[in-house]
N, C-alpha and C. Protein backbone atom coordinates (compact mmCIF):
# COMPACT_ATOMS: atom_id res chain seq x y z
N MET A 1 1.84 -30.84 -38.08
CA MET A 1 2.67 -31.43 -37.06
C MET A 1 1.81 -31.78 -35.86
N LEU A 2 2.21 -32.78 -35.12
CA LEU A 2 1.48 -33.19 -33.94
C LEU A 2 1.86 -32.30 -32.75
N ILE A 3 1.10 -32.39 -31.69
CA ILE A 3 1.30 -31.51 -30.54
C ILE A 3 2.68 -31.68 -29.91
N GLY A 4 3.21 -32.90 -29.90
CA GLY A 4 4.54 -33.12 -29.34
C GLY A 4 5.62 -32.38 -30.11
N GLU A 5 5.50 -32.36 -31.42
CA GLU A 5 6.48 -31.65 -32.23
C GLU A 5 6.35 -30.14 -32.03
N LEU A 6 5.13 -29.63 -31.95
CA LEU A 6 4.94 -28.21 -31.68
C LEU A 6 5.54 -27.86 -30.32
N SER A 7 5.37 -28.73 -29.36
CA SER A 7 5.94 -28.52 -28.03
C SER A 7 7.47 -28.45 -28.12
N ARG A 8 8.07 -29.35 -28.84
CA ARG A 8 9.54 -29.36 -28.99
C ARG A 8 10.03 -28.10 -29.70
N ARG A 9 9.33 -27.70 -30.74
CA ARG A 9 9.76 -26.53 -31.51
C ARG A 9 9.62 -25.22 -30.75
N THR A 10 8.64 -25.17 -29.85
CA THR A 10 8.34 -23.91 -29.16
C THR A 10 8.86 -23.88 -27.72
N GLY A 11 9.15 -25.06 -27.16
CA GLY A 11 9.55 -25.11 -25.76
C GLY A 11 8.39 -24.95 -24.80
N VAL A 12 7.17 -25.07 -25.31
CA VAL A 12 5.95 -24.94 -24.51
C VAL A 12 5.39 -26.34 -24.30
N SER A 13 5.00 -26.65 -23.07
CA SER A 13 4.51 -27.99 -22.77
C SER A 13 3.22 -28.30 -23.54
N THR A 14 2.98 -29.58 -23.76
CA THR A 14 1.75 -29.98 -24.44
C THR A 14 0.53 -29.57 -23.62
N ARG A 15 0.66 -29.64 -22.32
CA ARG A 15 -0.46 -29.23 -21.45
C ARG A 15 -0.81 -27.77 -21.69
N LEU A 16 0.21 -26.92 -21.80
CA LEU A 16 -0.03 -25.50 -22.03
C LEU A 16 -0.58 -25.26 -23.44
N LEU A 17 -0.12 -26.03 -24.40
CA LEU A 17 -0.66 -25.89 -25.76
C LEU A 17 -2.14 -26.26 -25.78
N ARG A 18 -2.53 -27.27 -25.02
CA ARG A 18 -3.96 -27.62 -24.93
C ARG A 18 -4.75 -26.50 -24.26
N TYR A 19 -4.15 -25.88 -23.25
CA TYR A 19 -4.78 -24.75 -22.59
C TYR A 19 -4.98 -23.60 -23.58
N TYR A 20 -3.96 -23.32 -24.38
CA TYR A 20 -4.10 -22.27 -25.40
C TYR A 20 -5.26 -22.58 -26.34
N GLU A 21 -5.41 -23.84 -26.68
CA GLU A 21 -6.53 -24.24 -27.53
C GLU A 21 -7.85 -24.00 -26.81
N GLU A 22 -7.94 -24.39 -25.54
CA GLU A 22 -9.17 -24.16 -24.77
C GLU A 22 -9.52 -22.68 -24.69
N GLN A 23 -8.50 -21.84 -24.64
CA GLN A 23 -8.71 -20.40 -24.55
C GLN A 23 -8.98 -19.75 -25.91
N GLY A 24 -8.96 -20.53 -26.97
CA GLY A 24 -9.22 -20.00 -28.30
C GLY A 24 -8.03 -19.31 -28.94
N LEU A 25 -6.82 -19.59 -28.44
CA LEU A 25 -5.62 -18.98 -28.98
C LEU A 25 -5.00 -19.79 -30.10
N LEU A 26 -5.18 -21.09 -30.05
CA LEU A 26 -4.69 -22.01 -31.09
C LEU A 26 -5.88 -22.77 -31.66
N HIS A 27 -5.80 -23.07 -32.95
CA HIS A 27 -6.90 -23.75 -33.63
C HIS A 27 -6.36 -24.90 -34.48
N PRO A 28 -5.99 -26.00 -33.83
CA PRO A 28 -5.48 -27.13 -34.61
C PRO A 28 -6.60 -27.83 -35.36
N GLU A 29 -6.21 -28.50 -36.42
CA GLU A 29 -7.16 -29.37 -37.12
C GLU A 29 -7.13 -30.71 -36.40
N ARG A 30 -8.12 -31.55 -36.67
CA ARG A 30 -8.16 -32.87 -36.04
C ARG A 30 -8.11 -33.94 -37.11
N ASP A 31 -7.27 -34.95 -36.87
CA ASP A 31 -7.23 -36.13 -37.72
C ASP A 31 -8.47 -36.97 -37.46
N GLY A 32 -8.67 -37.96 -38.31
CA GLY A 32 -9.79 -38.88 -38.11
C GLY A 32 -9.72 -39.59 -36.77
N ASN A 33 -8.51 -39.78 -36.25
CA ASN A 33 -8.35 -40.44 -34.96
C ASN A 33 -8.38 -39.46 -33.79
N GLY A 34 -8.62 -38.19 -34.08
CA GLY A 34 -8.73 -37.18 -33.03
C GLY A 34 -7.44 -36.47 -32.68
N TYR A 35 -6.32 -36.87 -33.28
CA TYR A 35 -5.06 -36.21 -32.98
C TYR A 35 -5.07 -34.78 -33.51
N ARG A 36 -4.49 -33.89 -32.73
CA ARG A 36 -4.37 -32.50 -33.16
C ARG A 36 -3.27 -32.39 -34.22
N ARG A 37 -3.55 -31.63 -35.26
CA ARG A 37 -2.56 -31.33 -36.30
C ARG A 37 -2.41 -29.81 -36.37
N TYR A 38 -1.19 -29.38 -36.20
CA TYR A 38 -0.90 -27.95 -36.21
C TYR A 38 -0.18 -27.58 -37.50
N ARG A 39 -0.49 -26.41 -38.01
CA ARG A 39 0.20 -25.88 -39.18
C ARG A 39 1.56 -25.34 -38.74
N LEU A 40 2.46 -25.20 -39.68
CA LEU A 40 3.78 -24.67 -39.40
C LEU A 40 3.70 -23.27 -38.78
N GLU A 41 2.69 -22.50 -39.19
CA GLU A 41 2.52 -21.13 -38.66
C GLU A 41 2.25 -21.13 -37.17
N SER A 42 1.84 -22.27 -36.63
CA SER A 42 1.53 -22.35 -35.20
C SER A 42 2.76 -22.08 -34.34
N VAL A 43 3.94 -22.41 -34.86
CA VAL A 43 5.17 -22.15 -34.12
C VAL A 43 5.31 -20.65 -33.86
N GLU A 44 5.12 -19.86 -34.89
CA GLU A 44 5.21 -18.41 -34.75
C GLU A 44 4.07 -17.88 -33.87
N ARG A 45 2.89 -18.45 -34.02
CA ARG A 45 1.75 -18.01 -33.23
C ARG A 45 1.99 -18.26 -31.74
N VAL A 46 2.53 -19.42 -31.40
CA VAL A 46 2.83 -19.71 -30.00
C VAL A 46 3.87 -18.73 -29.47
N ALA A 47 4.86 -18.40 -30.28
CA ALA A 47 5.87 -17.42 -29.86
C ALA A 47 5.21 -16.07 -29.58
N ARG A 48 4.29 -15.68 -30.43
CA ARG A 48 3.59 -14.40 -30.23
C ARG A 48 2.73 -14.46 -28.96
N ILE A 49 2.05 -15.57 -28.75
CA ILE A 49 1.24 -15.73 -27.53
C ILE A 49 2.13 -15.58 -26.30
N ARG A 50 3.29 -16.22 -26.31
CA ARG A 50 4.21 -16.15 -25.18
C ARG A 50 4.68 -14.70 -24.95
N GLU A 51 4.98 -13.99 -26.03
CA GLU A 51 5.40 -12.59 -25.91
C GLU A 51 4.32 -11.75 -25.25
N LEU A 52 3.08 -11.94 -25.69
CA LEU A 52 1.98 -11.15 -25.16
C LEU A 52 1.66 -11.52 -23.70
N LEU A 53 1.76 -12.81 -23.38
CA LEU A 53 1.58 -13.23 -21.99
C LEU A 53 2.69 -12.66 -21.11
N ASP A 54 3.93 -12.70 -21.60
CA ASP A 54 5.05 -12.16 -20.86
C ASP A 54 4.92 -10.65 -20.65
N ALA A 55 4.22 -10.00 -21.56
CA ALA A 55 3.98 -8.56 -21.43
C ALA A 55 2.86 -8.26 -20.45
N GLY A 56 2.20 -9.32 -19.95
CA GLY A 56 1.18 -9.13 -18.93
C GLY A 56 -0.25 -9.12 -19.41
N LEU A 57 -0.48 -9.41 -20.68
CA LEU A 57 -1.84 -9.42 -21.19
C LEU A 57 -2.54 -10.73 -20.81
N PRO A 58 -3.80 -10.67 -20.42
CA PRO A 58 -4.54 -11.91 -20.13
C PRO A 58 -4.94 -12.62 -21.42
N THR A 59 -5.20 -13.91 -21.32
CA THR A 59 -5.51 -14.70 -22.51
C THR A 59 -6.75 -14.17 -23.23
N GLU A 60 -7.73 -13.67 -22.49
CA GLU A 60 -8.95 -13.14 -23.14
C GLU A 60 -8.60 -11.98 -24.07
N THR A 61 -7.72 -11.12 -23.61
CA THR A 61 -7.31 -9.98 -24.43
C THR A 61 -6.47 -10.45 -25.61
N ILE A 62 -5.58 -11.39 -25.35
CA ILE A 62 -4.73 -11.92 -26.43
C ILE A 62 -5.57 -12.55 -27.52
N ARG A 63 -6.60 -13.29 -27.14
CA ARG A 63 -7.47 -13.94 -28.12
C ARG A 63 -8.05 -12.91 -29.10
N ASP A 64 -8.49 -11.79 -28.57
CA ASP A 64 -9.06 -10.74 -29.43
C ASP A 64 -7.99 -9.98 -30.20
N PHE A 65 -6.86 -9.76 -29.55
CA PHE A 65 -5.80 -8.93 -30.11
C PHE A 65 -4.90 -9.66 -31.08
N LEU A 66 -4.79 -10.97 -30.98
CA LEU A 66 -3.83 -11.75 -31.74
C LEU A 66 -3.89 -11.53 -33.26
N PRO A 67 -5.07 -11.49 -33.87
CA PRO A 67 -5.09 -11.23 -35.32
C PRO A 67 -4.41 -9.92 -35.71
N CYS A 68 -4.57 -8.89 -34.89
CA CYS A 68 -3.91 -7.62 -35.17
C CYS A 68 -2.41 -7.72 -34.95
N ALA A 69 -2.01 -8.44 -33.92
CA ALA A 69 -0.58 -8.59 -33.62
C ALA A 69 0.13 -9.37 -34.71
N GLU A 70 -0.58 -10.30 -35.33
CA GLU A 70 0.03 -11.13 -36.37
C GLU A 70 -0.01 -10.49 -37.75
N ASN A 71 -1.08 -9.78 -38.04
CA ASN A 71 -1.28 -9.27 -39.40
C ASN A 71 -0.98 -7.79 -39.54
N GLY A 72 -0.68 -7.13 -38.45
CA GLY A 72 -0.43 -5.70 -38.51
C GLY A 72 -1.74 -4.93 -38.43
N PRO A 73 -1.64 -3.64 -38.20
CA PRO A 73 -2.84 -2.84 -38.02
C PRO A 73 -3.71 -2.80 -39.27
N GLU A 74 -4.97 -2.94 -39.03
CA GLU A 74 -5.97 -2.77 -40.09
C GLU A 74 -6.89 -1.65 -39.64
N PRO A 75 -7.22 -0.74 -40.52
CA PRO A 75 -8.02 0.42 -40.11
C PRO A 75 -9.35 0.03 -39.44
N SER A 76 -9.94 -1.05 -39.87
CA SER A 76 -11.28 -1.37 -39.37
C SER A 76 -11.30 -1.94 -37.97
N GLY A 77 -10.38 -2.85 -37.63
CA GLY A 77 -10.55 -3.56 -36.39
C GLY A 77 -9.46 -3.44 -35.36
N CYS A 78 -8.32 -2.88 -35.70
CA CYS A 78 -7.19 -2.92 -34.79
C CYS A 78 -6.95 -1.62 -34.04
N ALA A 79 -7.49 -0.54 -34.48
CA ALA A 79 -7.22 0.75 -33.84
C ALA A 79 -7.68 0.76 -32.38
N ARG A 80 -8.75 0.06 -32.07
CA ARG A 80 -9.27 0.06 -30.69
C ARG A 80 -8.29 -0.56 -29.71
N TYR A 81 -7.37 -1.38 -30.21
CA TYR A 81 -6.42 -2.03 -29.32
C TYR A 81 -5.33 -1.09 -28.84
N THR A 82 -5.15 0.02 -29.51
CA THR A 82 -4.19 1.02 -29.03
C THR A 82 -4.59 1.49 -27.65
N ASP A 83 -5.87 1.79 -27.46
CA ASP A 83 -6.35 2.22 -26.14
C ASP A 83 -6.16 1.12 -25.10
N MET A 84 -6.43 -0.12 -25.48
CA MET A 84 -6.28 -1.24 -24.56
C MET A 84 -4.82 -1.39 -24.14
N LEU A 85 -3.91 -1.31 -25.11
CA LEU A 85 -2.49 -1.42 -24.79
C LEU A 85 -2.03 -0.24 -23.93
N ASP A 86 -2.52 0.95 -24.23
CA ASP A 86 -2.18 2.12 -23.42
C ASP A 86 -2.67 1.93 -21.98
N SER A 87 -3.84 1.36 -21.82
CA SER A 87 -4.39 1.10 -20.49
C SER A 87 -3.51 0.12 -19.72
N HIS A 88 -3.08 -0.94 -20.38
CA HIS A 88 -2.18 -1.90 -19.73
C HIS A 88 -0.85 -1.24 -19.39
N ARG A 89 -0.34 -0.43 -20.27
CA ARG A 89 0.93 0.26 -20.01
C ARG A 89 0.79 1.22 -18.83
N PHE A 90 -0.35 1.92 -18.75
CA PHE A 90 -0.58 2.84 -17.63
C PHE A 90 -0.60 2.07 -16.31
N ARG A 91 -1.29 0.92 -16.29
CA ARG A 91 -1.33 0.12 -15.06
C ARG A 91 0.06 -0.37 -14.67
N LEU A 92 0.85 -0.78 -15.67
CA LEU A 92 2.22 -1.21 -15.38
C LEU A 92 3.04 -0.07 -14.80
N ALA A 93 2.92 1.10 -15.37
CA ALA A 93 3.66 2.27 -14.88
C ALA A 93 3.24 2.60 -13.45
N ARG A 94 1.95 2.51 -13.16
CA ARG A 94 1.45 2.75 -11.81
C ARG A 94 2.01 1.70 -10.84
N ASP A 95 2.01 0.43 -11.26
CA ASP A 95 2.53 -0.64 -10.41
C ASP A 95 4.02 -0.48 -10.16
N ILE A 96 4.75 -0.08 -11.19
CA ILE A 96 6.20 0.14 -11.06
C ILE A 96 6.46 1.26 -10.06
N ALA A 97 5.70 2.34 -10.16
CA ALA A 97 5.87 3.47 -9.24
C ALA A 97 5.59 3.02 -7.80
N GLU A 98 4.58 2.21 -7.60
CA GLU A 98 4.26 1.70 -6.26
C GLU A 98 5.37 0.79 -5.74
N LEU A 99 5.90 -0.07 -6.59
CA LEU A 99 7.00 -0.94 -6.18
C LEU A 99 8.25 -0.12 -5.84
N GLN A 100 8.51 0.93 -6.59
CA GLN A 100 9.65 1.78 -6.29
C GLN A 100 9.46 2.49 -4.95
N ARG A 101 8.24 2.92 -4.66
CA ARG A 101 7.95 3.57 -3.38
C ARG A 101 8.18 2.58 -2.24
N ARG A 102 7.70 1.35 -2.41
CA ARG A 102 7.89 0.33 -1.37
C ARG A 102 9.37 0.01 -1.18
N HIS A 103 10.09 -0.08 -2.27
CA HIS A 103 11.52 -0.36 -2.21
C HIS A 103 12.23 0.74 -1.42
N ALA A 104 11.90 1.99 -1.72
CA ALA A 104 12.52 3.11 -1.02
C ALA A 104 12.17 3.08 0.47
N ALA A 105 10.94 2.74 0.81
CA ALA A 105 10.53 2.68 2.21
C ALA A 105 11.29 1.58 2.95
N LEU A 106 11.43 0.43 2.32
CA LEU A 106 12.16 -0.67 2.96
C LEU A 106 13.64 -0.34 3.10
N THR A 107 14.20 0.33 2.10
CA THR A 107 15.60 0.73 2.17
C THR A 107 15.82 1.70 3.31
N ALA A 108 14.91 2.67 3.43
CA ALA A 108 15.02 3.64 4.53
C ALA A 108 14.90 2.95 5.88
N TYR A 109 14.00 2.01 6.00
CA TYR A 109 13.83 1.28 7.25
C TYR A 109 15.06 0.45 7.56
N ALA A 110 15.60 -0.24 6.55
CA ALA A 110 16.79 -1.05 6.75
C ALA A 110 17.97 -0.18 7.19
N ASP A 111 18.06 1.03 6.63
CA ASP A 111 19.14 1.95 7.00
C ASP A 111 19.07 2.34 8.47
N THR A 112 17.86 2.42 9.02
CA THR A 112 17.72 2.79 10.44
C THR A 112 18.18 1.64 11.35
N LEU A 113 18.19 0.43 10.85
CA LEU A 113 18.59 -0.73 11.65
C LEU A 113 20.09 -0.98 11.62
N ARG A 114 20.78 -0.37 10.68
CA ARG A 114 22.23 -0.57 10.55
C ARG A 114 22.97 0.27 11.58
N PRO A 115 23.95 -0.32 12.22
CA PRO A 115 24.73 0.49 13.15
C PRO A 115 25.58 1.52 12.41
N GLY A 116 25.69 2.60 12.99
CA GLY A 116 26.64 3.46 12.46
C GLY A 116 26.48 4.80 12.12
């Protein structure tokens, strides 16, 4: 399928699909005229890329991690990603705790400004 069709099927802009290619996340074939041709599996791959981006992973990490995310754990190469995911989860938990602290501080301050 051409890039426009992949864009329609995934809801991802053609510009973003080209960016994914630049980042090594997508690997389209090229026609003789230079047009990108994507396999049907690319639809699922783009969905997985979006999930991982939405989870906060950077494209560099996704590029390395994607084969494991798509094919399931393999004893040889995927176990190391457990630590990486745990690290990202720890940072998220730390950030959430900080945001909750800030929220509580702002709430307390707002309460002091209310009459009554």
